[in-house]
Amino acid sequence: MPTKQHLKTMMQRTIVILLLLFIRVGSTLAHQPDLSTFMLYEKEDGKCYLQIYSSLAAFEGEIDYKFSKNSYKTAEEFKALVGKHFLNNTLIILNQQDTLKLSNPQVILGHETKLLLEVSGFPKNIQTLYLSNKAFADTPNHQSIVMMLKKGLPNQQYILNKENQNEIYLMMENGKWHQDTLQKSSLNQSVIIVAIAIVFVFLSVLGFRKWQKERNFMASLN
């Protein structure tokens, strides 16, 4: 059984690996306006944050498109528009009813720009997660890497892009996330049931008409 010191060492190594990973990812993002990271994480004090990284060009492109290039004259005005844009286009719903509150946007400008949002409203038990981030939806071929580093949430990565309408719906099963196919399956089953019903009615009508014709034919012979 691992000791407390062993667990502490493993945690420190994990943190170092994550830092190296984000340094490498950050370097990549600084040169790619069509790529971003979307990270939900929890600090030691229990507070949760949503951190979004991308190139400054990606943020500028969205703000210029949504609000026009003349909508800001200072860095502070630009930051305010970035916060407003992401608050209006980012949505996280747990258990199909608990909408997480995103607040206090902080923007750190640079060749690699970072947006930090405080996140609150987590329920005790989490069974489903719906996540939508359409803030970069107008950037051609944009992809956002989703990572969750919060206690109680599986640390699995996903991609938001135009193919999935920049949204995902996950279900918790045996401690892991599984992308939901319930709605799709329900639709397919409904279509199949309706199709079977139509075929059954059609065959029933044909059978009745055939029986009626045979009955009339037999009646004519008598």
Protein backbone atom coordinates (compact mmCIF):
# COMPACT_ATOMS: atom_id res chain seq x y z
CA MET A 1 0.00 0.00 0.00
CA PRO A 2 1.53 3.38 -1.05
CA THR A 3 2.66 5.65 1.79
CA LYS A 4 1.75 9.33 2.16
CA GLN A 5 5.27 10.29 1.07
CA HIS A 6 4.99 8.09 -2.01
CA LEU A 7 1.63 9.66 -2.91
CA LYS A 8 3.08 13.13 -2.38
CA THR A 9 6.00 12.33 -4.67
CA MET A 10 3.67 10.98 -7.34
CA MET A 11 1.54 14.13 -7.11
CA GLN A 12 4.61 16.35 -7.47
CA ARG A 13 5.73 14.41 -10.54
CA THR A 14 2.26 14.71 -12.03
CA ILE A 15 2.27 18.48 -11.50
CA VAL A 16 5.69 18.79 -13.15
CA ILE A 17 4.54 16.72 -16.13
CA LEU A 18 1.39 18.85 -16.49
CA LEU A 19 3.42 22.05 -16.34
CA LEU A 20 5.77 20.78 -19.04
CA LEU A 21 2.77 19.75 -21.10
CA PHE A 22 1.16 23.18 -20.85
CA ILE A 23 4.43 24.93 -21.65
CA ARG A 24 4.65 22.85 -24.82
CA VAL A 25 0.97 23.34 -25.64
CA GLY A 26 1.25 27.05 -24.91
CA SER A 27 4.13 27.38 -27.34
CA THR A 28 2.03 25.67 -29.99
CA LEU A 29 -1.06 27.76 -29.30
CA ALA A 30 0.89 30.99 -29.61
CA HIS A 31 1.34 30.26 -33.31
CA GLN A 32 -2.01 28.64 -34.12
CA PRO A 33 -5.16 30.81 -34.13
CA ASP A 34 -7.24 27.73 -34.96
CA LEU A 35 -6.33 25.89 -31.75
CA SER A 36 -7.15 26.50 -28.09
CA THR A 37 -7.31 24.69 -24.76
CA PHE A 38 -10.31 24.69 -22.47
CA MET A 39 -9.29 23.54 -19.00
CA LEU A 40 -11.55 23.11 -15.96
CA TYR A 41 -9.52 22.67 -12.78
CA GLU A 42 -9.69 22.85 -8.99
CA LYS A 43 -7.09 24.49 -6.74
CA GLU A 44 -5.97 23.20 -3.36
CA ASP A 45 -8.35 25.59 -1.59
CA GLY A 46 -11.29 23.96 -3.37
CA LYS A 47 -12.01 26.87 -5.73
CA CYS A 48 -12.63 25.98 -9.36
CA TYR A 49 -11.59 27.84 -12.47
CA LEU A 50 -12.00 27.64 -16.20
CA GLN A 51 -8.86 28.56 -18.09
CA ILE A 52 -8.89 29.16 -21.84
CA TYR A 53 -5.64 29.50 -23.80
CA SER A 54 -5.20 30.51 -27.41
CA SER A 55 -3.19 32.87 -29.58
CA LEU A 56 -3.87 36.58 -29.35
CA ALA A 57 -4.80 36.46 -33.04
CA ALA A 58 -7.64 34.02 -32.25
CA PHE A 59 -9.10 36.31 -29.58
CA GLU A 60 -8.68 39.39 -31.77
CA GLY A 61 -10.33 37.68 -34.72
CA GLU A 62 -13.45 36.78 -32.72
CA ILE A 63 -13.76 40.19 -31.05
CA ASP A 64 -13.25 42.06 -34.31
CA TYR A 65 -15.85 39.86 -36.03
CA LYS A 66 -18.46 40.09 -33.25
CA PHE A 67 -17.99 43.70 -32.14
CA SER A 68 -15.98 45.29 -35.03
CA LYS A 69 -12.40 46.54 -34.97
CA ASN A 70 -13.55 49.93 -33.76
CA SER A 71 -15.24 48.52 -30.66
CA TYR A 72 -12.17 49.01 -28.46
CA LYS A 73 -9.37 51.54 -28.23
CA THR A 74 -7.46 50.32 -25.18
CA ALA A 75 -6.24 46.98 -23.86
CA GLU A 76 -8.71 47.21 -20.97
CA GLU A 77 -11.64 47.68 -23.34
CA PHE A 78 -10.46 44.69 -25.36
CA LYS A 79 -10.22 42.57 -22.20
CA ALA A 80 -13.76 43.56 -21.21
CA LEU A 81 -15.10 42.47 -24.62
CA VAL A 82 -13.23 39.14 -24.37
CA GLY A 83 -14.80 38.47 -20.97
CA LYS A 84 -18.25 39.43 -22.22
CA HIS A 85 -17.93 37.31 -25.35
CA PHE A 86 -16.89 34.16 -23.49
CA LEU A 87 -19.47 34.55 -20.74
CA ASN A 88 -22.16 34.75 -23.44
CA ASN A 89 -20.86 31.78 -25.41
CA THR A 90 -19.70 29.28 -22.78
CA LEU A 91 -22.12 26.96 -21.00
CA ILE A 92 -21.58 24.06 -18.58
CA ILE A 93 -24.59 22.12 -17.26
CA LEU A 94 -24.29 19.21 -14.83
CA ASN A 95 -26.97 16.56 -14.24
CA GLN A 96 -29.10 18.24 -16.94
CA GLN A 97 -30.24 20.93 -14.51
CA ASP A 98 -27.32 22.51 -12.63
CA THR A 99 -25.88 25.34 -14.72
CA LEU A 100 -22.46 26.32 -13.44
CA LYS A 101 -21.89 30.01 -12.75
CA LEU A 102 -18.99 31.61 -14.61
CA SER A 103 -17.80 34.92 -13.19
CA ASN A 104 -14.96 37.41 -12.68
CA PRO A 105 -13.26 37.08 -16.10
CA GLN A 106 -9.56 37.91 -16.10
CA VAL A 107 -7.63 38.27 -19.35
CA ILE A 108 -3.85 38.06 -19.56
CA LEU A 109 -2.73 39.41 -22.92
CA GLY A 110 0.32 38.14 -24.73
CA HIS A 111 1.40 36.30 -27.87
CA GLU A 112 -0.32 33.44 -26.04
CA THR A 113 -3.42 34.93 -24.39
CA LYS A 114 -5.19 33.44 -21.38
CA LEU A 115 -8.73 33.91 -20.07
CA LEU A 116 -9.50 32.86 -16.50
CA LEU A 117 -13.05 32.47 -15.17
CA GLU A 118 -14.19 31.51 -11.70
CA VAL A 119 -16.59 28.54 -11.67
CA SER A 120 -19.14 27.76 -8.96
CA GLY A 121 -22.37 25.82 -8.44
CA PHE A 122 -21.09 22.23 -8.56
CA PRO A 123 -23.56 19.65 -7.18
CA LYS A 124 -22.32 16.93 -4.81
CA ASN A 125 -22.87 14.08 -7.24
CA ILE A 126 -22.18 14.46 -10.94
CA GLN A 127 -23.76 12.05 -13.40
CA THR A 128 -23.84 14.01 -16.65
CA LEU A 129 -21.99 16.95 -18.13
CA TYR A 130 -22.97 19.18 -21.03
CA LEU A 131 -20.31 21.58 -22.24
CA SER A 132 -20.64 24.16 -24.99
CA ASN A 133 -17.99 26.66 -26.03
CA LYS A 134 -18.95 28.57 -29.17
CA ALA A 135 -16.68 31.54 -28.49
CA PHE A 136 -14.34 30.51 -31.34
CA ALA A 137 -17.12 29.20 -33.58
CA ASP A 138 -16.46 31.87 -36.22
CA THR A 139 -12.78 30.98 -36.56
CA PRO A 140 -12.35 28.63 -39.56
CA ASN A 141 -11.36 25.07 -38.63
CA HIS A 142 -10.96 25.99 -34.97
CA GLN A 143 -10.51 23.15 -32.49
CA SER A 144 -10.57 23.37 -28.71
CA ILE A 145 -8.94 20.73 -26.50
CA VAL A 146 -11.06 20.10 -23.40
CA MET A 147 -9.35 18.94 -20.19
CA MET A 148 -10.87 18.45 -16.73
CA LEU A 149 -8.59 18.46 -13.71
CA LYS A 150 -11.17 18.64 -10.95
CA LYS A 151 -11.70 16.20 -8.10
CA GLY A 152 -14.50 13.80 -8.86
CA LEU A 153 -14.29 14.29 -12.63
CA PRO A 154 -12.49 11.81 -14.90
CA ASN A 155 -9.41 13.33 -16.50
CA GLN A 156 -10.25 12.61 -20.13
CA GLN A 157 -9.61 14.84 -23.12
CA TYR A 158 -12.11 15.82 -25.78
CA ILE A 159 -12.17 18.03 -28.85
CA LEU A 160 -14.72 20.73 -29.60
CA ASN A 161 -15.04 21.65 -33.26
CA LYS A 162 -17.58 22.28 -36.00
CA GLU A 163 -18.23 18.55 -36.41
CA ASN A 164 -19.80 18.36 -32.94
CA GLN A 165 -21.15 21.94 -33.02
CA ASN A 166 -18.55 22.87 -30.38
CA GLU A 167 -20.41 20.96 -27.69
CA ILE A 168 -20.26 17.60 -25.94
CA TYR A 169 -22.60 15.64 -23.69
CA LEU A 170 -20.99 13.13 -21.33
CA MET A 171 -22.38 10.50 -18.97
CA MET A 172 -20.54 9.10 -15.95
CA GLU A 173 -20.27 5.31 -15.98
CA ASN A 174 -17.97 3.35 -13.66
CA GLY A 175 -15.89 6.43 -12.92
CA LYS A 176 -15.35 7.30 -16.58
CA TRP A 177 -16.94 9.66 -19.06
CA HIS A 178 -18.86 8.18 -21.95
CA GLN A 179 -20.23 10.28 -24.74
CA ASP A 180 -23.99 10.06 -24.69
CA THR A 181 -25.68 8.15 -27.50
CA LEU A 182 -29.04 7.95 -25.71
CA GLN A 183 -30.75 10.66 -27.71
CA LYS A 184 -29.39 9.30 -30.98
CA SER A 185 -30.32 5.74 -30.01
CA SER A 186 -33.76 6.84 -28.89
CA LEU A 187 -34.29 8.55 -32.21
CA ASN A 188 -33.15 5.50 -34.12
CA GLN A 189 -35.36 3.21 -32.03
CA SER A 190 -38.32 5.52 -32.52
CA VAL A 191 -37.77 5.53 -36.27
CA ILE A 192 -37.51 1.73 -36.27
CA ILE A 193 -40.67 1.35 -34.18
CA VAL A 194 -42.62 3.70 -36.45
CA ALA A 195 -41.29 1.93 -39.54
CA ILE A 196 -42.29 -1.47 -38.13
CA ALA A 197 -45.73 -0.13 -37.26
CA ILE A 198 -46.20 1.27 -40.78
CA VAL A 199 -45.08 -2.00 -42.36
CA PHE A 200 -47.38 -3.97 -40.04
CA VAL A 201 -50.38 -1.79 -40.90
CA PHE A 202 -49.52 -1.96 -44.60
CA LEU A 203 -49.27 -5.76 -44.55
CA SER A 204 -52.45 -5.98 -42.50
CA VAL A 205 -54.32 -3.89 -45.05
CA LEU A 206 -52.95 -5.99 -47.91
CA GLY A 207 -53.88 -9.18 -46.07
CA PHE A 208 -57.40 -7.94 -45.40
CA ARG A 209 -57.91 -6.92 -49.03
CA LYS A 210 -56.62 -10.29 -50.23
CA TRP A 211 -58.93 -12.11 -47.80
CA GLN A 212 -61.84 -9.93 -48.93
CA LYS A 213 -61.13 -10.66 -52.60
CA GLU A 214 -60.94 -14.41 -51.92
CA ARG A 215 -64.18 -14.24 -49.98
CA ASN A 216 -65.94 -12.38 -52.82
CA PHE A 217 -64.56 -14.86 -55.34
CA MET A 218 -65.83 -17.82 -53.33
CA ALA A 219 -69.17 -16.08 -52.95
CA SER A 220 -69.42 -15.65 -56.73
CA LEU A 221 -68.85 -19.37 -57.26
CA ASN A 222 -71.80 -20.16 -55.02
